[in-house]
Amino acid sequence: MEAPRYSLHKNLNIYWTVFDDMTGKKAVLDGFFMDMVTVDEGRELVGMLNCRGSEDDPLLTPTSQLSPA
C-alpha cells in the first residue's frame, strides 16, 4: 500500500497547512496554497487530495510552476 502523499502540519495557533510530502512543500490546489486552514478544513482537503492521488490532476499545480505573487 502506498503512503499518503498529503498530510497536515500545524501552522499558527489554530491554523494548519496541507503539506505535499512528495515535493516537501505546501500543497497547491487550483493555483492556491492550502495554508492557514482550520483542522476540519485541512482534514477534508487531505482526505480529498489523497483519494485523488493525482499526478495528472489539472487542479493540482506543482509549486515550481507557480509565478511569484
N, C-alpha and C. Protein backbone atom coordinates (compact mmCIF):
# COMPACT_ATOMS: atom_id res chain seq x y z
N MET A 1 0.84 -1.18 0.00
CA MET A 1 0.00 0.00 0.00
C MET A 1 0.88 1.24 0.00
N GLU A 2 0.52 2.17 -0.81
CA GLU A 2 1.28 3.41 -0.96
C GLU A 2 0.99 4.37 0.19
N ALA A 3 2.04 5.04 0.66
CA ALA A 3 1.88 6.03 1.74
C ALA A 3 1.12 7.23 1.21
N PRO A 4 0.29 7.88 2.05
CA PRO A 4 -0.45 9.06 1.59
C PRO A 4 0.52 10.18 1.19
N ARG A 5 0.15 10.88 0.12
CA ARG A 5 1.00 11.97 -0.37
C ARG A 5 0.84 13.25 0.44
N TYR A 6 -0.36 13.50 0.95
CA TYR A 6 -0.66 14.77 1.62
C TYR A 6 -0.88 14.56 3.11
N SER A 7 -0.44 15.55 3.90
CA SER A 7 -0.62 15.49 5.35
C SER A 7 -0.84 16.90 5.88
N LEU A 8 -1.22 16.98 7.15
CA LEU A 8 -1.44 18.27 7.81
C LEU A 8 -0.25 18.61 8.70
N HIS A 9 0.14 19.87 8.67
CA HIS A 9 1.21 20.36 9.55
C HIS A 9 0.68 21.56 10.31
N LYS A 10 0.94 21.60 11.61
CA LYS A 10 0.50 22.72 12.45
C LYS A 10 1.17 24.00 11.98
N ASN A 11 0.40 25.07 11.91
CA ASN A 11 0.89 26.36 11.45
C ASN A 11 0.90 27.31 12.65
N LEU A 12 0.04 28.28 12.66
CA LEU A 12 -0.06 29.25 13.75
C LEU A 12 -1.34 29.03 14.54
N ASN A 13 -1.22 29.07 15.85
CA ASN A 13 -2.38 28.97 16.74
C ASN A 13 -3.33 27.86 16.33
N ILE A 14 -4.46 28.21 15.71
CA ILE A 14 -5.47 27.22 15.35
C ILE A 14 -5.41 26.84 13.87
N TYR A 15 -4.40 27.28 13.16
CA TYR A 15 -4.34 27.06 11.71
C TYR A 15 -3.36 25.96 11.32
N TRP A 16 -3.63 25.38 10.17
CA TRP A 16 -2.86 24.25 9.66
C TRP A 16 -2.50 24.49 8.19
N THR A 17 -1.50 23.74 7.72
CA THR A 17 -1.09 23.77 6.32
C THR A 17 -1.21 22.36 5.77
N VAL A 18 -1.79 22.23 4.57
CA VAL A 18 -1.80 20.95 3.88
C VAL A 18 -0.44 20.85 3.17
N PHE A 19 0.26 19.78 3.45
CA PHE A 19 1.64 19.62 3.00
C PHE A 19 1.73 18.48 2.01
N ASP A 20 2.43 18.70 0.90
CA ASP A 20 2.67 17.68 -0.11
C ASP A 20 3.97 16.98 0.27
N ASP A 21 3.87 15.79 0.81
CA ASP A 21 5.05 15.07 1.28
C ASP A 21 5.96 14.64 0.14
N MET A 22 5.43 14.55 -1.07
CA MET A 22 6.25 14.15 -2.21
C MET A 22 7.21 15.28 -2.63
N THR A 23 6.73 16.51 -2.62
CA THR A 23 7.56 17.65 -3.03
C THR A 23 8.26 18.31 -1.85
N GLY A 24 7.72 18.08 -0.65
CA GLY A 24 8.29 18.73 0.53
C GLY A 24 7.85 20.18 0.66
N LYS A 25 6.75 20.54 -0.02
CA LYS A 25 6.26 21.93 0.00
C LYS A 25 4.77 21.96 0.34
N LYS A 26 4.27 23.17 0.56
CA LYS A 26 2.84 23.35 0.79
C LYS A 26 2.08 22.87 -0.45
N ALA A 27 0.94 22.22 -0.21
CA ALA A 27 0.12 21.76 -1.32
C ALA A 27 -0.53 22.95 -2.02
N VAL A 28 -0.72 22.82 -3.32
CA VAL A 28 -1.35 23.85 -4.13
C VAL A 28 -2.56 23.22 -4.81
N LEU A 29 -3.70 23.85 -4.69
CA LEU A 29 -4.93 23.38 -5.32
C LEU A 29 -5.51 24.51 -6.14
N ASP A 30 -5.63 24.28 -7.43
CA ASP A 30 -6.19 25.27 -8.35
C ASP A 30 -5.44 26.61 -8.25
N GLY A 31 -4.12 26.53 -8.06
CA GLY A 31 -3.29 27.73 -8.02
C GLY A 31 -3.18 28.40 -6.66
N PHE A 32 -3.81 27.84 -5.64
CA PHE A 32 -3.78 28.44 -4.30
C PHE A 32 -3.09 27.52 -3.31
N PHE A 33 -2.21 28.09 -2.49
CA PHE A 33 -1.58 27.32 -1.42
C PHE A 33 -2.64 26.93 -0.40
N MET A 34 -2.59 25.70 0.06
CA MET A 34 -3.52 25.22 1.08
C MET A 34 -2.90 25.48 2.45
N ASP A 35 -2.99 26.74 2.86
CA ASP A 35 -2.32 27.23 4.06
C ASP A 35 -3.34 28.00 4.90
N MET A 36 -3.12 28.02 6.22
CA MET A 36 -3.98 28.77 7.14
C MET A 36 -5.42 28.26 7.09
N VAL A 37 -5.58 26.94 7.13
CA VAL A 37 -6.90 26.32 7.16
C VAL A 37 -7.16 25.79 8.56
N THR A 38 -8.43 25.62 8.89
CA THR A 38 -8.77 25.02 10.18
C THR A 38 -8.48 23.52 10.12
N VAL A 39 -8.46 22.88 11.27
CA VAL A 39 -8.17 21.45 11.29
C VAL A 39 -9.24 20.67 10.52
N ASP A 40 -10.50 21.09 10.62
CA ASP A 40 -11.57 20.40 9.89
C ASP A 40 -11.41 20.58 8.39
N GLU A 41 -11.11 21.80 7.95
CA GLU A 41 -10.88 22.05 6.52
C GLU A 41 -9.68 21.24 6.03
N GLY A 42 -8.62 21.24 6.84
CA GLY A 42 -7.42 20.51 6.47
C GLY A 42 -7.65 19.02 6.34
N ARG A 43 -8.37 18.45 7.28
CA ARG A 43 -8.66 17.01 7.20
C ARG A 43 -9.46 16.68 5.95
N GLU A 44 -10.43 17.53 5.63
CA GLU A 44 -11.23 17.32 4.43
C GLU A 44 -10.37 17.41 3.17
N LEU A 45 -9.51 18.43 3.11
CA LEU A 45 -8.63 18.61 1.95
C LEU A 45 -7.65 17.45 1.82
N VAL A 46 -7.02 17.05 2.92
CA VAL A 46 -6.07 15.94 2.89
C VAL A 46 -6.77 14.66 2.41
N GLY A 47 -7.95 14.40 2.93
CA GLY A 47 -8.69 13.22 2.51
C GLY A 47 -9.02 13.25 1.03
N MET A 48 -9.48 14.40 0.55
CA MET A 48 -9.84 14.55 -0.86
C MET A 48 -8.60 14.39 -1.74
N LEU A 49 -7.52 15.06 -1.37
CA LEU A 49 -6.31 15.02 -2.19
C LEU A 49 -5.68 13.63 -2.20
N ASN A 50 -5.68 12.96 -1.07
CA ASN A 50 -5.12 11.61 -1.04
C ASN A 50 -5.98 10.62 -1.81
N CYS A 51 -7.28 10.83 -1.85
CA CYS A 51 -8.16 9.96 -2.65
C CYS A 51 -7.92 10.17 -4.14
N ARG A 52 -7.71 11.42 -4.52
CA ARG A 52 -7.45 11.72 -5.92
C ARG A 52 -6.08 11.20 -6.32
N GLY A 53 -5.12 11.39 -5.45
CA GLY A 53 -3.79 10.91 -5.64
C GLY A 53 -3.07 11.39 -6.87
N SER A 54 -3.49 12.29 -7.51
CA SER A 54 -3.34 12.66 -8.89
C SER A 54 -2.09 13.37 -9.33
N GLU A 55 -1.26 12.64 -9.98
CA GLU A 55 -0.12 13.25 -10.67
C GLU A 55 -0.63 14.05 -11.86
N ASP A 56 -1.69 13.58 -12.50
CA ASP A 56 -2.19 14.20 -13.72
C ASP A 56 -3.40 15.09 -13.50
N ASP A 57 -3.73 15.38 -12.27
CA ASP A 57 -4.91 16.19 -11.98
C ASP A 57 -4.65 17.65 -12.37
N PRO A 58 -5.48 18.22 -13.24
CA PRO A 58 -5.24 19.60 -13.67
C PRO A 58 -5.42 20.64 -12.56
N LEU A 59 -6.12 20.28 -11.48
CA LEU A 59 -6.30 21.24 -10.39
C LEU A 59 -5.08 21.34 -9.49
N LEU A 60 -4.24 20.31 -9.52
CA LEU A 60 -3.05 20.31 -8.68
C LEU A 60 -1.88 20.81 -9.50
N THR A 61 -1.28 21.91 -9.07
CA THR A 61 -0.18 22.51 -9.79
C THR A 61 1.08 22.44 -8.94
N PRO A 62 2.16 21.86 -9.46
CA PRO A 62 3.39 21.85 -8.69
C PRO A 62 3.82 23.26 -8.36
N THR A 63 4.34 23.48 -7.17
CA THR A 63 4.72 24.82 -6.75
C THR A 63 5.80 25.42 -7.64
N SER A 64 6.59 24.60 -8.29
CA SER A 64 7.64 25.11 -9.17
C SER A 64 7.06 25.77 -10.42
N GLN A 65 5.79 25.50 -10.72
CA GLN A 65 5.16 26.09 -11.91
C GLN A 65 4.39 27.36 -11.59
N LEU A 66 4.36 27.76 -10.33
CA LEU A 66 3.62 28.96 -9.96
C LEU A 66 4.49 30.19 -10.17
N SER A 67 3.88 31.27 -10.65
CA SER A 67 4.62 32.51 -10.78
C SER A 67 4.57 33.25 -9.45
N PRO A 68 5.62 34.02 -9.13
CA PRO A 68 5.63 34.76 -7.86
C PRO A 68 4.50 35.77 -7.79
N ALA A 69 3.98 35.96 -6.59
CA ALA A 69 2.86 36.89 -6.40
C ALA A 69 3.29 38.33 -6.51
